[in-house]
């Protein structure tokens, strides 16, 4: 029989890097390590609740990380609680863009993204950046997969509308 420690080690090894990236898009860089540590402490404390299916476990860990991030941001009194920080991504992407039109498109996307509601940003980020399935993203948000797909469709439409306004 697998021990709790072995289950935790396996979960940590398979999800720590993803959780760090997840948090980097949601909180200030100075908070990432502390929130990740708090998240995995919560995973350890609730090891009996950890799903045995790896996909379910991953979504469960993301849900814990999301709640830890919200708690940290709430206590810090931040205004932009879950603003995905596209502008803070490594600038290497811009170096690779030889075409000025593509740079302009990226800037339009950043502007449109910042104008989106936080809920729309979160919905899009779970799929686009965190590469979660609809089922996993729904579990993170505590909703059904069908409700998540509807939210995703609406968030995409609102982003598209904002991009069209930029033209």
Protein backbone atom coordinates (compact mmCIF):
# COMPACT_ATOMS: atom_id res chain seq x y z
CA UNK A 1 0.00 0.00 0.00
CA UNK A 2 1.27 3.45 -0.90
CA UNK A 3 2.01 5.72 2.05
CA UNK A 4 0.70 9.25 2.49
CA UNK A 5 4.25 10.54 2.15
CA UNK A 6 4.72 8.72 -1.16
CA UNK A 7 1.39 10.07 -2.48
CA UNK A 8 2.40 13.59 -1.47
CA UNK A 9 5.87 13.28 -3.03
CA UNK A 10 4.37 11.98 -6.27
CA UNK A 11 1.77 14.76 -6.39
CA UNK A 12 4.37 17.39 -5.62
CA UNK A 13 6.77 16.09 -8.26
CA UNK A 14 4.09 16.02 -10.93
CA UNK A 15 2.45 19.36 -10.18
CA UNK A 16 4.85 21.77 -8.44
CA UNK A 17 6.17 23.39 -11.64
CA UNK A 18 2.64 23.79 -13.01
CA UNK A 19 1.45 25.34 -9.74
CA UNK A 20 4.37 27.80 -9.79
CA UNK A 21 3.49 28.85 -13.36
CA UNK A 22 -0.19 29.06 -12.39
CA UNK A 23 0.66 31.39 -9.50
CA UNK A 24 3.14 33.47 -11.51
CA UNK A 25 0.29 34.57 -13.76
CA UNK A 26 -1.91 35.54 -10.86
CA UNK A 27 0.13 37.16 -8.11
CA UNK A 28 3.12 39.43 -7.62
CA UNK A 29 6.44 37.63 -8.10
CA UNK A 30 7.36 38.17 -4.44
CA UNK A 31 4.32 36.14 -3.34
CA UNK A 32 4.67 33.09 -5.61
CA UNK A 33 6.97 30.93 -3.47
CA UNK A 34 5.09 31.62 -0.24
CA UNK A 35 1.72 30.85 -1.78
CA UNK A 36 3.07 27.69 -3.43
CA UNK A 37 4.45 26.57 -0.06
CA UNK A 38 1.10 27.30 1.62
CA UNK A 39 -0.66 25.38 -1.15
CA UNK A 40 1.41 22.25 -0.72
CA UNK A 41 1.15 22.51 3.06
CA UNK A 42 -2.63 22.45 2.58
CA UNK A 43 -2.28 19.46 0.24
CA UNK A 44 -0.28 17.62 2.92
CA UNK A 45 -2.79 18.50 5.63
CA UNK A 46 -5.63 17.22 3.44
CA UNK A 47 -3.77 14.21 2.02
CA UNK A 48 -6.73 11.97 2.83
CA UNK A 49 -8.85 14.06 0.43
CA UNK A 50 -6.31 13.84 -2.42
CA UNK A 51 -7.96 12.09 -5.38
CA UNK A 52 -6.22 8.92 -6.57
CA UNK A 53 -6.76 9.71 -10.26
CA UNK A 54 -3.80 11.87 -11.44
CA UNK A 55 -5.98 14.20 -13.53
CA UNK A 56 -8.40 14.75 -10.66
CA UNK A 57 -5.49 15.21 -8.25
CA UNK A 58 -3.96 17.88 -10.51
CA UNK A 59 -7.21 19.84 -10.68
CA UNK A 60 -7.65 19.46 -6.91
CA UNK A 61 -4.15 20.87 -6.28
CA UNK A 62 -4.84 23.79 -8.66
CA UNK A 63 -8.04 24.50 -6.72
CA UNK A 64 -6.09 24.64 -3.47
CA UNK A 65 -3.45 26.90 -5.05
CA UNK A 66 -6.19 29.19 -6.37
CA UNK A 67 -7.81 29.47 -2.93
CA UNK A 68 -4.42 30.11 -1.27
CA UNK A 69 -3.71 32.85 -3.83
CA UNK A 70 -7.10 34.44 -3.23
CA UNK A 71 -6.54 34.36 0.53
CA UNK A 72 -3.09 35.91 0.20
CA UNK A 73 -4.32 38.61 -2.14
CA UNK A 74 -7.34 39.34 0.01
CA UNK A 75 -5.21 39.74 3.13
CA UNK A 76 -2.76 41.97 1.26
CA UNK A 77 -5.66 44.13 0.05
CA UNK A 78 -4.68 43.97 -3.60
CA UNK A 79 -7.06 45.60 -6.10
CA UNK A 80 -6.22 43.38 -9.06
CA UNK A 81 -6.66 40.04 -7.33
CA UNK A 82 -6.33 37.66 -10.26
CA UNK A 83 -5.05 39.87 -13.06
CA UNK A 84 -3.06 37.65 -15.37
CA UNK A 85 0.21 39.40 -15.96
CA UNK A 86 0.74 39.05 -19.68
CA UNK A 87 3.03 42.05 -19.72
CA UNK A 88 5.29 40.36 -17.15
CA UNK A 89 5.95 37.34 -19.36
CA UNK A 90 9.57 36.92 -20.39
CA UNK A 91 10.37 39.38 -23.14
CA UNK A 92 12.05 36.69 -25.24
CA UNK A 93 8.79 36.33 -27.15
CA UNK A 94 9.12 39.89 -28.41
CA UNK A 95 12.68 39.30 -29.58
CA UNK A 96 11.44 36.47 -31.77
CA UNK A 97 8.84 38.71 -33.41
CA UNK A 98 10.48 40.22 -36.47
CA UNK A 99 7.18 41.45 -37.82
CA UNK A 100 5.99 44.78 -36.35
CA UNK A 101 2.38 43.84 -37.08
CA UNK A 102 2.66 40.84 -34.76
CA UNK A 103 4.06 43.09 -32.02
CA UNK A 104 1.11 45.43 -32.52
CA UNK A 105 -1.28 42.49 -32.29
CA UNK A 106 0.34 41.40 -29.03
CA UNK A 107 0.00 44.91 -27.60
CA UNK A 108 -3.67 44.94 -28.65
CA UNK A 109 -4.13 41.61 -26.87
CA UNK A 110 -2.50 42.93 -23.69
CA UNK A 111 -4.76 46.00 -23.76
CA UNK A 112 -7.89 43.93 -24.39
CA UNK A 113 -6.89 41.42 -21.69
CA UNK A 114 -6.56 44.17 -19.09
CA UNK A 115 -10.04 45.41 -19.97
CA UNK A 116 -11.60 41.97 -19.39
CA UNK A 117 -13.38 41.23 -16.13
CA UNK A 118 -11.30 39.20 -13.66
CA UNK A 119 -13.67 36.21 -13.99
CA UNK A 120 -13.18 36.17 -17.77
CA UNK A 121 -9.40 36.38 -17.34
CA UNK A 122 -9.45 33.45 -14.93
CA UNK A 123 -11.66 31.35 -17.20
CA UNK A 124 -9.46 31.96 -20.25
CA UNK A 125 -6.21 31.51 -18.30
CA UNK A 126 -7.16 28.08 -16.97
CA UNK A 127 -7.47 26.80 -20.53
CA UNK A 128 -5.00 28.91 -22.49
CA UNK A 129 -2.14 29.26 -20.03
CA UNK A 130 -2.59 26.44 -17.53
CA UNK A 131 -3.68 23.96 -20.21
CA UNK A 132 -6.41 22.44 -18.05
CA UNK A 133 -9.24 20.47 -19.61
CA UNK A 134 -12.78 21.78 -19.19
CA UNK A 135 -13.34 19.20 -16.48
CA UNK A 136 -10.18 20.15 -14.59
CA UNK A 137 -10.86 23.89 -14.92
CA UNK A 138 -14.43 23.37 -13.75
CA UNK A 139 -13.17 21.55 -10.68
CA UNK A 140 -10.75 24.40 -9.90
CA UNK A 141 -13.65 26.87 -10.05
CA UNK A 142 -16.11 24.59 -8.28
CA UNK A 143 -18.58 24.44 -11.17
CA UNK A 144 -19.74 21.81 -13.65
CA UNK A 145 -17.80 21.20 -16.89
CA UNK A 146 -20.85 22.37 -18.86
CA UNK A 147 -20.98 25.63 -16.91
CA UNK A 148 -17.25 26.10 -17.49
CA UNK A 149 -17.62 25.60 -21.24
CA UNK A 150 -20.36 28.25 -21.32
CA UNK A 151 -18.16 30.65 -19.32
CA UNK A 152 -15.25 29.95 -21.67
CA UNK A 153 -17.36 30.59 -24.76
CA UNK A 154 -18.64 33.89 -23.32
CA UNK A 155 -15.17 34.98 -22.18
CA UNK A 156 -13.74 34.27 -25.63
CA UNK A 157 -16.54 36.27 -27.23
CA UNK A 158 -15.94 39.23 -24.89
CA UNK A 159 -12.19 39.12 -25.61
CA UNK A 160 -12.89 38.98 -29.35
CA UNK A 161 -15.25 41.97 -29.02
CA UNK A 162 -12.58 43.96 -27.18
CA UNK A 163 -10.02 43.09 -29.83
CA UNK A 164 -12.44 44.21 -32.55
CA UNK A 165 -12.82 47.55 -30.75
CA UNK A 166 -9.04 48.00 -30.91
CA UNK A 167 -9.12 48.00 -34.74
